[in-house]
Amino acid sequence: MLFFVLLIFLTASCKSKIEPSVSVLYEGQQIDFSQTLNIISLGSCNRENLPQDMWPAIASHDPQLWMWLGDNIYGDSEDMQVMLEKYKRQKNGEAYSAFRQNTAVLGIWDDHDYGVNDGDKNFAKKDESKSLMLDFLDVPVDASVRERPGAYQSYTFGPEGKRIKILLLDGRYFRDELQEDTTGTARYFPNELGDVLGEAQWKWLEEELTNSDAELHLIACGIQFIPEEQIYEKWANFPAARQRFFALMEKTKPAHAVLLSGDRHIAELSKITLDSLDYPLYELTSSGMTHTWSLGDTEPNKYRVGDLIVALNFALLHIDWSGEKPAMTVEVRGKENDVLLKEVLAW
């Protein structure tokens, strides 16, 4: 009888969007959605066939949550068996397996774990790839994200007054094509009218922000939101979509939103001021867990706060709930657990 009651409870509770008053066994992870989050860890760009040296350093901070920000493996294949084997290698690796025993895991993809470099809505195996990613993340088989196109997800943690909403945006499944620059002056021309999220995801995002009672919002996507000058993938390659996103932030005015991204094999903090938002909008990019770029140590970004970090890295969000509003300190740390960037967000 007790088993039957427990089974009913778990079946009712294990949804992609879970009320923050329950502690559930979330497909192999014990995730307590009622807990107050104080330390969140995150990172991206992790080749499964390279040394997984960062996990002990990350674990030393006792994070309550790990967020994958994309390129969680380097699948780069339309062969789903190849993708599956790479996910297995990462998930079953000694260091990551040990890490997962004590830390809940959420995440979203970018391009290499989507299946194709700089991939977009035209990738033929995107549905099969999505299923593999959700399996890797232990998302329940009956979660709503599995029943709709795209991999976007929402999670809420914490009690009233200390509530965090995490929104994981899918910048691949619906994204329009990039416009390649054949002149050699840049990598891509702007796709002036192109979209990133697709109408269903836009509608979902507006509803999630409009109806939110969270005190802190973490909005993650594989590619960078704010920077304009770098020549690689970014929201700025789709100017209308980027402006639509910022306009949505101004319209819904979510409390204390922070943007998170990966992809770049660098780390940096960016900040933009929006006219109708009463706090600066920050974006933390953390990328390069197993490899970093070799293009020098400079790159223009007029929105950057602090230094450009060209080194293996992961990031930490430290949240202090002792004041009238949440305070956040962001850190980027290196392979030796050394502090590469530290900033208190000015709200």
Foldseek 3Di string as FASTA:
>chain_A
DVVVVLVVVQVVAQALEGDQPDFHCQQPAGARQADQFFKEWEEEQDALPFDQLQLVLVCVVQGQAYEYQACLYQQQAPPVVSLLVSLCSNCPDPSNVVSRVRYQYDYDYDARLQHHVVAAQPNPCNLVSLVSVCVSNSRDPPYVCNVDFDNWTWYWGHDQLRIEIETEAEQHNHWDDFAADPVPPAGTAAPAATAGGDDVRVVVVLVCLQPDSHQEYEYGHAAALAFQFHRDDHCNSHVVRSVVVLVSCLVSQHHHYEYEYEPALKWFKFWDDDPRHPFIYIYTYHYAQRHHDDPDQDDDGPRTDDGIGTARWMKMWGWDSPDSGIKIKIFIAHSVSHTPDIDTGDD
